C-alpha cells in the first residue's frame, strides 16, 4: 500500500491520500520529500500540518525553482529546511526576483 500512497502523493491526489491514511492506517509523514520533489504544494502542506512536522531538513530547491515564495515562507516558519548553495541560482535561472530577494535575507537560517 505504500507504493499506492507514494503514487497518490506524487500526483497530488489528496482525497486518495486521506482515504489511504484513514482506511489503512498509513502514515504519510515520510512522503513529504516526494510531495516537494514533485511540486505538490497542497499535499506537502497537508502532510506538514497533519503530522505537525517542524525542524526537519528539507531541500528548498524545488519550491525555489517553481517560484513558490509563499511555500518557502511557510517552510521557514516551521523551521523546515534552509537555503543551500543551489537554491538561489535555480530561482535566478527561472527569473524569480522576489524569491531571490527573500532567500538572500534568509541565508544561514534553518
C-alpha atoms as a PDB file:
ATOM      1  CA  UNK A   1       0.000   0.000   0.000  1.00  0.00           C
ATOM      2  CA  UNK A   2       2.939   2.367   0.498  1.00  0.00           C
ATOM      3  CA  UNK A   3       3.579   2.309  -3.268  1.00  0.00           C
ATOM      4  CA  UNK A   4      -0.014   3.380  -3.839  1.00  0.00           C
ATOM      5  CA  UNK A   5       0.364   6.139  -1.242  1.00  0.00           C
ATOM      6  CA  UNK A   6       3.612   7.342  -2.842  1.00  0.00           C
ATOM      7  CA  UNK A   7       1.911   7.442  -6.265  1.00  0.00           C
ATOM      8  CA  UNK A   8      -1.004   9.428  -4.851  1.00  0.00           C
ATOM      9  CA  UNK A   9       1.416  11.893  -3.243  1.00  0.00           C
ATOM     10  CA  UNK A  10       3.379  12.354  -6.471  1.00  0.00           C
ATOM     11  CA  UNK A  11       0.133  13.027  -8.340  1.00  0.00           C
ATOM     12  CA  UNK A  12      -1.312  15.314  -5.647  1.00  0.00           C
ATOM     13  CA  UNK A  13      -4.402  13.197  -5.184  1.00  0.00           C
ATOM     14  CA  UNK A  14      -5.157  14.471  -1.713  1.00  0.00           C
ATOM     15  CA  UNK A  15      -8.536  12.741  -1.388  1.00  0.00           C
ATOM     16  CA  UNK A  16      -6.867   9.389  -2.113  1.00  0.00           C
ATOM     17  CA  UNK A  17      -4.034  10.161   0.321  1.00  0.00           C
ATOM     18  CA  UNK A  18      -6.518  10.976   3.095  1.00  0.00           C
ATOM     19  CA  UNK A  19      -8.536   7.848   2.335  1.00  0.00           C
ATOM     20  CA  UNK A  20      -5.461   5.589   2.367  1.00  0.00           C
ATOM     21  CA  UNK A  21      -4.287   7.068   5.657  1.00  0.00           C
ATOM     22  CA  UNK A  22      -7.719   6.667   7.257  1.00  0.00           C
ATOM     23  CA  UNK A  23      -8.677   3.309   5.734  1.00  0.00           C
ATOM     24  CA  UNK A  24      -5.331   1.537   6.120  1.00  0.00           C
ATOM     25  CA  UNK A  25      -3.780   3.493   8.958  1.00  0.00           C
ATOM     26  CA  UNK A  26      -0.904   4.572   6.748  1.00  0.00           C
ATOM     27  CA  UNK A  27       1.370   7.328   7.987  1.00  0.00           C
ATOM     28  CA  UNK A  28       2.204   9.817   5.232  1.00  0.00           C
ATOM     29  CA  UNK A  29       4.808  11.892   7.096  1.00  0.00           C
ATOM     30  CA  UNK A  30       7.606  10.065   5.272  1.00  0.00           C
ATOM     31  CA  UNK A  31       6.097  11.194   1.976  1.00  0.00           C
ATOM     32  CA  UNK A  32       6.913  14.891   2.454  1.00  0.00           C
ATOM     33  CA  UNK A  33      10.015  14.651   0.292  1.00  0.00           C
ATOM     34  CA  UNK A  34       8.018  13.087  -2.556  1.00  0.00           C
ATOM     35  CA  UNK A  35       5.402  15.838  -2.383  1.00  0.00           C
ATOM     36  CA  UNK A  36       8.019  18.592  -2.506  1.00  0.00           C
ATOM     37  CA  UNK A  37      10.156  16.904  -5.165  1.00  0.00           C
ATOM     38  CA  UNK A  38       7.065  16.623  -7.394  1.00  0.00           C
ATOM     39  CA  UNK A  39       5.830  20.204  -6.863  1.00  0.00           C
ATOM     40  CA  UNK A  40       2.765  19.096  -4.893  1.00  0.00           C
ATOM     41  CA  UNK A  41       2.493  22.088  -2.565  1.00  0.00           C
ATOM     42  CA  UNK A  42      -1.027  21.457  -1.244  1.00  0.00           C
ATOM     43  CA  UNK A  43      -0.158  17.855  -0.399  1.00  0.00           C
ATOM     44  CA  UNK A  44       3.088  18.934   1.262  1.00  0.00           C
ATOM     45  CA  UNK A  45       1.215  21.447   3.434  1.00  0.00           C
ATOM     46  CA  UNK A  46      -1.341  18.789   4.382  1.00  0.00           C
ATOM     47  CA  UNK A  47       1.411  16.357   5.408  1.00  0.00           C
ATOM     48  CA  UNK A  48       3.241  19.038   7.414  1.00  0.00           C
ATOM     49  CA  UNK A  49       0.091  20.094   9.248  1.00  0.00           C
ATOM     50  CA  UNK A  50      -1.393  16.629   9.782  1.00  0.00           C
ATOM     51  CA  UNK A  51       1.813  15.290  11.310  1.00  0.00           C
ATOM     52  CA  UNK A  52       2.893  18.596  12.897  1.00  0.00           C
ATOM     53  CA  UNK A  53       6.246  18.451  11.142  1.00  0.00           C
ATOM     54  CA  UNK A  54       8.811  21.074  12.062  1.00  0.00           C
ATOM     55  CA  UNK A  55      12.579  21.370  12.357  1.00  0.00           C
ATOM     56  CA  UNK A  56      13.233  18.878   9.631  1.00  0.00           C
ATOM     57  CA  UNK A  57      15.957  19.107   6.986  1.00  0.00           C
ATOM     58  CA  UNK A  58      14.360  19.638   3.607  1.00  0.00           C
ATOM     59  CA  UNK A  59      15.711  20.913   0.322  1.00  0.00           C
ATOM     60  CA  UNK A  60      14.222  24.234  -0.805  1.00  0.00           C
ATOM     61  CA  UNK A  61      15.411  23.687  -4.379  1.00  0.00           C
ATOM     62  CA  UNK A  62      12.052  22.679  -5.877  1.00  0.00           C
ATOM     63  CA  UNK A  63       9.918  25.446  -4.330  1.00  0.00           C
ATOM     64  CA  UNK A  64      12.572  27.996  -5.382  1.00  0.00           C
ATOM     65  CA  UNK A  65      12.666  26.534  -8.887  1.00  0.00           C
ATOM     66  CA  UNK A  66       8.875  26.847  -9.088  1.00  0.00           C
ATOM     67  CA  UNK A  67       8.822  30.389  -7.647  1.00  0.00           C
ATOM     68  CA  UNK A  68       6.690  29.382  -4.659  1.00  0.00           C
ATOM     69  CA  UNK A  69       7.649  32.172  -2.276  1.00  0.00           C
ATOM     70  CA  UNK A  70       4.606  31.615  -0.056  1.00  0.00           C
ATOM     71  CA  UNK A  71       5.550  27.950   0.356  1.00  0.00           C
ATOM     72  CA  UNK A  72       9.190  28.848   1.110  1.00  0.00           C
ATOM     73  CA  UNK A  73       7.989  31.275   3.784  1.00  0.00           C
ATOM     74  CA  UNK A  74       5.732  28.553   5.169  1.00  0.00           C
ATOM     75  CA  UNK A  75       8.668  26.113   5.380  1.00  0.00           C
ATOM     76  CA  UNK A  76      10.800  28.760   7.100  1.00  0.00           C
ATOM     77  CA  UNK A  77       8.041  29.455   9.636  1.00  0.00           C
ATOM     78  CA  UNK A  78       8.086  25.762  10.562  1.00  0.00           C
ATOM     79  CA  UNK A  79      11.909  25.575  10.620  1.00  0.00           C
ATOM     80  CA  UNK A  80      11.826  23.069   7.788  1.00  0.00           C
ATOM     81  CA  UNK A  81      14.903  23.246   5.593  1.00  0.00           C
ATOM     82  CA  UNK A  82      17.130  26.179   4.765  1.00  0.00           C
ATOM     83  CA  UNK A  83      18.910  27.943   1.922  1.00  0.00           C
ATOM     84  CA  UNK A  84      21.656  25.787   0.446  1.00  0.00           C
ATOM     85  CA  UNK A  85      24.031  26.583  -2.411  1.00  0.00           C
ATOM     86  CA  UNK A  86      21.710  25.554  -5.275  1.00  0.00           C
ATOM     87  CA  UNK A  87      18.561  27.350  -4.165  1.00  0.00           C
ATOM     88  CA  UNK A  88      19.308  30.971  -5.108  1.00  0.00           C
ATOM     89  CA  UNK A  89      20.860  30.068  -8.502  1.00  0.00           C
ATOM     90  CA  UNK A  90      17.813  27.995  -9.515  1.00  0.00           C
ATOM     91  CA  UNK A  91      15.471  30.844  -8.571  1.00  0.00           C
ATOM     92  CA  UNK A  92      17.662  33.200 -10.623  1.00  0.00           C
ATOM     93  CA  UNK A  93      17.688  30.845 -13.608  1.00  0.00           C
ATOM     94  CA  UNK A  94      13.891  30.869 -13.594  1.00  0.00           C
ATOM     95  CA  UNK A  95      13.518  34.628 -13.117  1.00  0.00           C
ATOM     96  CA  UNK A  96      12.024  34.776  -9.618  1.00  0.00           C
ATOM     97  CA  UNK A  97      13.439  38.045  -8.252  1.00  0.00           C
ATOM     98  CA  UNK A  98      11.031  38.074  -5.291  1.00  0.00           C
ATOM     99  CA  UNK A  99      12.225  34.605  -4.297  1.00  0.00           C
ATOM    100  CA  UNK A 100      15.895  35.589  -4.706  1.00  0.00           C
ATOM    101  CA  UNK A 101      15.474  38.700  -2.553  1.00  0.00           C
ATOM    102  CA  UNK A 102      13.717  36.767   0.193  1.00  0.00           C
ATOM    103  CA  UNK A 103      16.170  33.851   0.087  1.00  0.00           C
ATOM    104  CA  UNK A 104      19.125  36.234   0.231  1.00  0.00           C
ATOM    105  CA  UNK A 105      17.780  37.576   3.516  1.00  0.00           C
ATOM    106  CA  UNK A 106      17.363  34.046   4.904  1.00  0.00           C
ATOM    107  CA  UNK A 107      20.741  32.533   4.148  1.00  0.00           C
ATOM    108  CA  UNK A 108      22.117  30.859   7.230  1.00  0.00           C
ATOM    109  CA  UNK A 109      18.659  30.368   8.781  1.00  0.00           C
ATOM    110  CA  UNK A 110      17.242  26.933   9.447  1.00  0.00           C
END
